[in-house]
N, C-alpha and C. Protein backbone atom coordinates (compact mmCIF):
# COMPACT_ATOMS: atom_id res chain seq x y z
N MET A 1 0.64 -0.92 -0.13
CA MET A 1 0.00 0.08 0.25
C MET A 1 0.40 1.31 -0.18
N LEU A 2 0.52 2.15 -0.86
CA LEU A 2 0.76 3.55 -0.60
C LEU A 2 0.19 4.94 -0.03
N GLU A 3 0.86 5.54 0.44
CA GLU A 3 0.05 6.79 0.73
C GLU A 3 0.70 7.94 0.08
N PHE A 4 0.27 9.14 -0.27
CA PHE A 4 0.19 10.17 -1.07
C PHE A 4 0.42 11.16 -0.50
N PRO A 5 1.21 12.01 -0.55
CA PRO A 5 0.99 13.42 0.01
C PRO A 5 -0.28 14.23 -0.03
N GLN A 6 -0.63 14.65 1.07
CA GLN A 6 -2.11 15.60 0.98
C GLN A 6 -2.05 16.98 1.31
N LYS A 7 -2.32 17.89 0.51
CA LYS A 7 -2.25 19.14 0.81
C LYS A 7 -3.47 19.76 1.08
N GLY A 8 -3.96 20.21 2.03
CA GLY A 8 -5.77 20.79 2.33
C GLY A 8 -5.57 21.89 2.89
N ASP A 9 -6.97 22.30 3.01
CA ASP A 9 -7.17 23.73 4.01
C ASP A 9 -8.54 23.96 3.61
N GLY A 10 -9.51 24.85 4.10
CA GLY A 10 -10.73 24.96 3.95
C GLY A 10 -11.23 25.03 2.67
N ARG A 11 -10.59 25.04 1.58
CA ARG A 11 -11.11 24.50 0.33
C ARG A 11 -11.12 23.14 -0.18
N GLY A 12 -10.34 22.20 0.76
CA GLY A 12 -10.79 21.11 0.13
C GLY A 12 -9.16 20.53 0.33
N GLN A 13 -8.89 19.07 -0.25
CA GLN A 13 -7.90 18.11 -0.14
C GLN A 13 -7.51 18.24 -1.71
N LEU A 14 -5.60 18.30 -1.58
CA LEU A 14 -5.10 18.16 -3.03
C LEU A 14 -4.43 17.17 -2.66
N VAL A 15 -4.50 15.88 -3.52
CA VAL A 15 -3.87 14.77 -3.41
C VAL A 15 -2.51 14.77 -4.73
N ILE A 16 -1.29 14.48 -4.09
CA ILE A 16 -0.14 14.71 -5.19
C ILE A 16 0.46 13.37 -5.46
N VAL A 17 0.30 12.78 -7.01
CA VAL A 17 1.00 11.57 -7.12
C VAL A 17 2.28 11.98 -8.34
N GLU A 18 3.30 11.54 -7.88
CA GLU A 18 4.32 12.12 -8.96
C GLU A 18 5.29 10.40 -9.65
N GLY A 19 5.17 10.15 -10.89
CA GLY A 19 5.65 8.92 -11.43
C GLY A 19 7.50 9.10 -11.06
N GLY A 20 7.88 8.20 -10.53
CA GLY A 20 9.26 8.14 -10.20
C GLY A 20 9.37 8.48 -8.79
N VAL A 21 8.45 9.14 -8.17
CA VAL A 21 8.80 9.68 -7.09
C VAL A 21 8.12 9.21 -5.90
N ASP A 22 6.83 9.24 -6.15
CA ASP A 22 5.66 8.88 -4.79
C ASP A 22 4.98 7.06 -5.79
N ILE A 23 5.34 6.92 -6.27
CA ILE A 23 5.19 5.54 -7.15
C ILE A 23 6.62 5.16 -7.78
N PRO A 24 6.97 3.78 -8.07
CA PRO A 24 8.22 3.53 -8.13
C PRO A 24 8.35 3.06 -9.85
N PHE A 25 7.62 4.29 -10.42
CA PHE A 25 7.92 4.33 -12.11
C PHE A 25 7.42 5.12 -12.82
N ASP A 26 8.09 5.19 -13.97
CA ASP A 26 7.33 6.58 -14.67
C ASP A 26 6.10 6.16 -15.50
N ILE A 27 5.64 7.03 -15.11
CA ILE A 27 3.55 6.74 -16.23
C ILE A 27 4.04 7.12 -17.22
N LYS A 28 3.36 5.83 -17.96
CA LYS A 28 3.45 5.76 -19.24
C LYS A 28 1.68 6.08 -19.99
N ARG A 29 1.30 5.73 -19.10
CA ARG A 29 -0.20 5.53 -19.45
C ARG A 29 -1.38 5.61 -18.32
N ILE A 30 -2.89 6.26 -18.52
CA ILE A 30 -3.53 6.37 -17.47
C ILE A 30 -4.79 5.59 -17.58
N PHE A 31 -5.28 4.95 -16.84
CA PHE A 31 -7.22 4.78 -16.88
C PHE A 31 -8.02 4.74 -15.89
N TYR A 32 -9.45 4.86 -16.64
CA TYR A 32 -9.57 5.08 -15.24
C TYR A 32 -11.38 3.79 -15.45
N ILE A 33 -11.81 3.44 -13.94
CA ILE A 33 -13.01 2.26 -14.51
C ILE A 33 -13.95 2.96 -13.23
N TYR A 34 -15.29 3.04 -13.99
CA TYR A 34 -16.63 3.56 -13.68
C TYR A 34 -17.42 2.99 -14.23
N GLY A 35 -18.68 3.33 -13.26
CA GLY A 35 -19.67 2.25 -13.78
C GLY A 35 -19.99 0.93 -13.35
N SER A 36 -19.04 0.55 -12.71
CA SER A 36 -19.09 -0.90 -12.52
C SER A 36 -19.65 -1.30 -11.30
N ASP A 37 -20.85 -1.85 -11.29
CA ASP A 37 -21.49 -2.24 -10.12
C ASP A 37 -20.98 -3.16 -8.63
N SER A 38 -21.42 -3.59 -7.81
CA SER A 38 -20.69 -4.53 -6.88
C SER A 38 -20.86 -6.01 -7.07
N GLU A 39 -21.42 -6.76 -8.60
CA GLU A 39 -21.13 -7.78 -8.75
C GLU A 39 -20.09 -7.72 -9.81
N VAL A 40 -19.89 -6.77 -10.68
CA VAL A 40 -19.03 -6.99 -11.63
C VAL A 40 -17.38 -6.91 -10.98
N VAL A 41 -16.55 -7.86 -11.92
CA VAL A 41 -15.08 -8.25 -11.63
C VAL A 41 -14.43 -7.81 -12.91
N ARG A 42 -13.32 -6.99 -12.30
CA ARG A 42 -12.66 -6.34 -13.74
C ARG A 42 -11.45 -6.70 -13.28
N GLY A 43 -10.42 -6.60 -14.38
CA GLY A 43 -9.32 -7.18 -14.34
C GLY A 43 -8.95 -8.35 -14.98
N GLN A 44 -8.80 -9.15 -14.06
CA GLN A 44 -8.68 -10.79 -14.32
C GLN A 44 -7.77 -11.34 -15.20
N HIS A 45 -6.49 -10.54 -15.17
CA HIS A 45 -5.89 -10.71 -16.17
C HIS A 45 -4.11 -10.53 -14.92
N ALA A 46 -2.86 -11.10 -15.67
CA ALA A 46 -1.72 -10.55 -15.16
C ALA A 46 -0.88 -9.92 -16.36
N ASN A 47 0.08 -9.03 -16.08
CA ASN A 47 0.95 -8.61 -17.36
C ASN A 47 2.27 -8.92 -17.18
N LYS A 48 2.77 -9.30 -18.31
CA LYS A 48 4.33 -9.72 -18.35
C LYS A 48 5.59 -8.68 -18.06
N ARG A 49 5.16 -7.20 -18.28
CA ARG A 49 5.96 -6.07 -18.12
C ARG A 49 5.25 -5.11 -17.56
N THR A 50 4.26 -4.88 -17.36
CA THR A 50 3.73 -3.52 -16.85
C THR A 50 3.29 -3.47 -15.34
N GLU A 51 3.69 -2.42 -14.92
CA GLU A 51 3.37 -2.16 -13.33
C GLU A 51 2.35 -1.28 -13.21
N PHE A 52 1.43 -1.34 -11.79
CA PHE A 52 0.42 -0.60 -11.86
C PHE A 52 0.56 0.13 -10.73
N VAL A 53 -0.43 1.09 -10.14
CA VAL A 53 -0.91 1.76 -8.98
C VAL A 53 -2.22 1.70 -9.02
N LEU A 54 -3.50 1.79 -8.19
CA LEU A 54 -4.61 1.77 -8.55
C LEU A 54 -5.22 2.33 -7.33
N ILE A 55 -5.59 3.56 -7.43
CA ILE A 55 -5.81 4.57 -6.16
C ILE A 55 -7.61 4.21 -6.65
N ASN A 56 -8.78 4.42 -5.83
CA ASN A 56 -9.77 4.28 -5.74
C ASN A 56 -10.08 6.31 -5.22
N VAL A 57 -10.12 6.83 -6.24
CA VAL A 57 -10.46 8.18 -5.90
C VAL A 57 -11.83 8.88 -5.59
N SER A 58 -12.60 7.84 -6.02
CA SER A 58 -13.89 8.12 -5.21
C SER A 58 -14.84 6.88 -4.95
N GLY A 59 -15.17 6.60 -3.85
CA GLY A 59 -16.07 5.16 -3.78
C GLY A 59 -14.64 4.73 -3.17
N GLN A 60 -15.46 3.23 -3.51
CA GLN A 60 -14.40 1.97 -2.73
C GLN A 60 -14.55 0.76 -4.01
N SER A 61 -13.29 -0.05 -3.60
CA SER A 61 -12.89 -1.16 -4.21
C SER A 61 -12.53 -2.03 -3.64
N LYS A 62 -12.32 -3.45 -3.84
CA LYS A 62 -11.37 -4.08 -3.55
C LYS A 62 -10.62 -5.08 -4.52
N VAL A 63 -9.54 -5.01 -4.35
CA VAL A 63 -8.33 -5.72 -5.54
C VAL A 63 -7.96 -7.06 -4.58
N ARG A 64 -8.23 -8.15 -5.37
CA ARG A 64 -7.21 -9.36 -5.20
C ARG A 64 -6.26 -9.80 -5.81
N VAL A 65 -5.12 -10.14 -5.46
CA VAL A 65 -3.85 -10.41 -5.83
C VAL A 65 -3.36 -11.67 -5.62
N LYS A 66 -3.21 -12.54 -6.51
CA LYS A 66 -2.24 -13.82 -6.65
C LYS A 66 -1.19 -14.06 -7.38
N ASP A 67 -0.13 -14.37 -6.48
CA ASP A 67 0.63 -14.65 -7.09
C ASP A 67 1.30 -15.87 -7.76
N GLY A 68 0.43 -16.90 -8.24
CA GLY A 68 0.34 -18.36 -9.05
C GLY A 68 0.75 -19.21 -8.17
N ARG A 69 1.55 -18.92 -7.24
CA ARG A 69 2.04 -19.89 -5.95
C ARG A 69 1.08 -20.48 -4.83
N GLY A 70 -0.15 -20.03 -4.82
CA GLY A 70 -0.74 -20.62 -4.04
C GLY A 70 -0.90 -18.90 -2.83
N ASN A 71 -0.24 -17.79 -2.84
CA ASN A 71 -0.51 -17.02 -2.25
C ASN A 71 -1.61 -15.53 -2.97
N GLU A 72 -2.34 -15.49 -1.97
CA GLU A 72 -3.14 -14.03 -2.37
C GLU A 72 -3.56 -12.97 -1.09
N ALA A 73 -3.91 -12.04 -1.55
CA ALA A 73 -3.98 -10.94 -0.39
C ALA A 73 -5.40 -10.41 -1.24
N ILE A 74 -6.29 -9.68 -0.07
CA ILE A 74 -7.62 -8.43 -0.57
C ILE A 74 -6.82 -7.25 -0.17
N PHE A 75 -7.24 -6.17 -0.89
CA PHE A 75 -6.89 -5.29 -0.21
C PHE A 75 -7.95 -3.89 -0.48
N ALA A 76 -8.58 -3.36 0.48
CA ALA A 76 -9.66 -2.49 0.24
C ALA A 76 -9.25 -1.02 0.04
N LEU A 77 -9.63 -0.61 -1.14
CA LEU A 77 -8.87 0.80 -1.87
C LEU A 77 -10.58 1.75 -1.45
N ASN A 78 -10.14 2.63 -0.49
CA ASN A 78 -11.25 3.27 0.20
C ASN A 78 -11.16 4.29 0.63
N ARG A 79 -9.89 4.83 0.33
CA ARG A 79 -9.26 6.36 0.66
C ARG A 79 -8.32 6.86 -0.41
N PRO A 80 -8.77 8.45 -0.81
CA PRO A 80 -8.55 8.68 -1.92
C PRO A 80 -7.33 9.17 -1.92
N HIS A 81 -6.32 9.06 -0.63
CA HIS A 81 -4.88 9.35 -0.69
C HIS A 81 -4.09 8.27 -0.72
N THR A 82 -4.21 6.89 -0.89
CA THR A 82 -3.86 5.85 -1.07
C THR A 82 -4.35 4.82 -1.91
N GLY A 83 -2.90 4.06 -2.49
CA GLY A 83 -3.34 3.34 -3.38
C GLY A 83 -2.66 1.77 -3.13
N ILE A 84 -2.48 1.24 -4.42
CA ILE A 84 -1.52 -0.36 -4.14
C ILE A 84 -0.68 -0.31 -5.31
N TYR A 85 0.26 -0.58 -4.86
CA TYR A 85 1.54 -0.39 -5.98
C TYR A 85 1.23 -2.31 -6.64
N LEU A 86 1.35 -3.04 -7.67
CA LEU A 86 1.13 -4.22 -8.37
C LEU A 86 2.17 -4.17 -9.57
N PRO A 87 2.99 -5.46 -8.94
CA PRO A 87 4.21 -5.27 -9.91
C PRO A 87 3.82 -6.06 -11.16
N LYS A 88 4.62 -6.45 -12.14
CA LYS A 88 4.79 -7.17 -12.98
C LYS A 88 4.52 -8.52 -13.01
N MET A 89 3.64 -9.53 -13.61
CA MET A 89 3.59 -11.23 -13.05
C MET A 89 3.13 -11.04 -11.58
N VAL A 90 2.05 -10.64 -11.62
CA VAL A 90 0.82 -10.98 -10.51
C VAL A 90 -0.68 -10.64 -11.23
N TRP A 91 -1.69 -11.44 -10.66
CA TRP A 91 -3.06 -12.10 -11.02
C TRP A 91 -3.35 -10.56 -10.31
N LYS A 92 -4.43 -9.93 -11.45
CA LYS A 92 -5.48 -8.64 -10.11
C LYS A 92 -6.97 -9.40 -10.82
N ASP A 93 -7.62 -9.20 -10.12
CA ASP A 93 -8.93 -8.65 -9.62
C ASP A 93 -9.53 -7.53 -9.07
N MET A 94 -10.39 -6.92 -9.63
CA MET A 94 -11.02 -5.72 -9.14
C MET A 94 -12.65 -5.77 -9.20
N TYR A 95 -12.89 -5.84 -8.05
CA TYR A 95 -14.41 -6.39 -7.44
C TYR A 95 -14.80 -5.34 -6.52
N ASP A 96 -16.17 -5.52 -6.47
CA ASP A 96 -17.35 -5.19 -5.15
C ASP A 96 -17.27 -3.26 -5.17
N PHE A 97 -17.33 -2.74 -6.40
CA PHE A 97 -17.33 -1.28 -6.43
C PHE A 97 -18.40 -0.92 -5.79
N SER A 98 -18.07 0.26 -5.10
CA SER A 98 -19.23 0.97 -4.66
C SER A 98 -20.19 1.82 -5.38
N GLU A 99 -21.28 2.54 -4.95
CA GLU A 99 -21.82 3.28 -6.32
C GLU A 99 -20.91 4.27 -6.22
N GLY A 100 -21.06 4.87 -7.54
CA GLY A 100 -19.75 6.10 -7.29
C GLY A 100 -18.50 6.20 -7.45
N SER A 101 -17.87 4.54 -7.52
CA SER A 101 -16.57 4.10 -7.41
C SER A 101 -16.09 4.84 -8.29
N VAL A 102 -14.74 5.43 -8.57
CA VAL A 102 -13.97 5.43 -9.69
C VAL A 102 -12.31 5.11 -9.20
N LEU A 103 -12.07 4.15 -9.79
CA LEU A 103 -10.51 3.74 -10.07
C LEU A 103 -9.66 3.85 -10.95
N LEU A 104 -9.00 4.39 -10.25
CA LEU A 104 -8.18 5.71 -11.35
C LEU A 104 -6.46 4.36 -11.19
N CYS A 105 -5.86 4.00 -12.64
CA CYS A 105 -5.11 3.28 -13.01
C CYS A 105 -3.81 4.12 -13.47
N LEU A 106 -2.86 3.97 -12.90
CA LEU A 106 -1.81 4.22 -13.29
C LEU A 106 -0.43 2.72 -13.73
N ALA A 107 -0.19 3.29 -15.11
CA ALA A 107 0.35 2.00 -15.73
C ALA A 107 1.77 2.47 -15.68
N SER A 108 2.78 1.68 -15.88
CA SER A 108 3.99 1.71 -16.32
C SER A 108 4.55 1.29 -17.52
N GLU A 109 3.60 1.24 -18.80
CA GLU A 109 4.10 0.83 -20.09
C GLU A 109 2.65 1.13 -20.81
N HIS A 110 2.73 1.50 -22.09
CA HIS A 110 1.67 1.65 -22.73
C HIS A 110 0.94 0.30 -23.12
N TYR A 111 -0.24 0.79 -23.89
CA TYR A 111 -0.84 -0.52 -23.63
C TYR A 111 -0.50 -1.89 -25.07
N ASP A 112 -0.31 -2.49 -24.46
CA ASP A 112 0.02 -4.04 -25.38
C ASP A 112 -0.44 -5.06 -25.20
N THR A 113 -1.57 -5.24 -26.09
CA THR A 113 -2.64 -6.66 -25.75
C THR A 113 -1.74 -8.00 -25.62
N GLU A 114 -0.36 -7.83 -26.55
CA GLU A 114 0.40 -9.35 -26.48
C GLU A 114 1.20 -9.26 -25.05
N GLU A 115 1.00 -8.49 -23.92
CA GLU A 115 1.77 -8.89 -23.06
C GLU A 115 0.60 -9.19 -21.62
N TYR A 116 -0.60 -8.96 -22.11
CA TYR A 116 -1.78 -9.73 -20.84
C TYR A 116 -1.66 -10.84 -21.32
N ILE A 117 -2.02 -11.91 -19.96
CA ILE A 117 -2.20 -13.04 -19.82
C ILE A 117 -3.49 -13.17 -19.11
N ARG A 118 -4.21 -13.78 -19.87
CA ARG A 118 -5.93 -13.48 -19.53
C ARG A 118 -6.29 -15.09 -19.06
N ASP A 119 -5.41 -15.93 -18.95
CA ASP A 119 -5.90 -17.39 -18.55
C ASP A 119 -5.13 -17.56 -17.40
N TYR A 120 -5.38 -17.93 -16.31
CA TYR A 120 -5.18 -18.13 -15.02
C TYR A 120 -4.31 -19.27 -15.01
N ASP A 121 -4.92 -20.51 -15.65
CA ASP A 121 -3.88 -21.29 -15.35
C ASP A 121 -2.57 -21.60 -16.48
N LYS A 122 -2.79 -20.55 -17.46
CA LYS A 122 -1.57 -20.33 -18.16
C LYS A 122 -0.47 -19.79 -17.30
N PHE A 123 -1.03 -18.36 -16.71
CA PHE A 123 -0.12 -17.59 -15.47
C PHE A 123 0.42 -18.54 -14.89
N VAL A 124 -0.32 -19.65 -13.99
CA VAL A 124 0.47 -20.18 -13.15
C VAL A 124 1.48 -21.22 -13.65
N GLU A 125 1.12 -21.31 -15.06
CA GLU A 125 2.55 -22.47 -15.85
C GLU A 125 3.73 -21.60 -16.29
N LEU A 126 3.64 -20.16 -16.33
CA LEU A 126 4.35 -19.24 -16.92
C LEU A 126 5.17 -19.12 -15.61
N ILE A 127 4.16 -18.78 -14.18
CA ILE A 127 5.51 -18.33 -12.98
C ILE A 127 6.06 -19.88 -12.61
N SER A 128 5.18 -20.96 -12.92
CA SER A 128 6.07 -22.41 -12.53
C SER A 128 7.29 -22.75 -13.36
N GLY A 129 7.53 -21.72 -14.05
CA GLY A 129 8.81 -22.10 -15.24
C GLY A 129 8.69 -22.78 -16.41
N GLY A 130 6.85 -22.94 -16.61
CA GLY A 130 6.72 -23.49 -18.33
C GLY A 130 6.85 -22.31 -19.39
N GLN A 131 6.95 -22.83 -20.19
CA GLN A 131 6.93 -21.92 -21.63
C GLN A 131 5.27 -21.36 -22.04
N GLY A 132 4.52 -21.67 -21.46
CA GLY A 132 3.27 -21.17 -21.77
C GLY A 132 2.51 -21.55 -22.96
């Protein structure tokens, strides 16, 4: 989990996130997920090269992370000044979106469909040293 600097006064809060400073990579892509209800599961993939930081800037959601070796963790993203760092080659599921949830995703790489692993069994095989 990462906590980002906040500057605030009577006018409200300002959260600052700088690539290479507050997160461990330079940001090459930004996208966000909104309009997903609590029953929707997003993500459901791993990435060969891309690292991510996920921040729920409005509302809340959960992120389940699996390493392909039987370990998993669930993170609740519910504060707009905190996020989760996801290194490459971890399986991620985003789910349990609250009404009005906006999940901001910062990525270390430009989009490349070829580096996505969308089959969990193939991911496990790659992690265990298989060629996929």
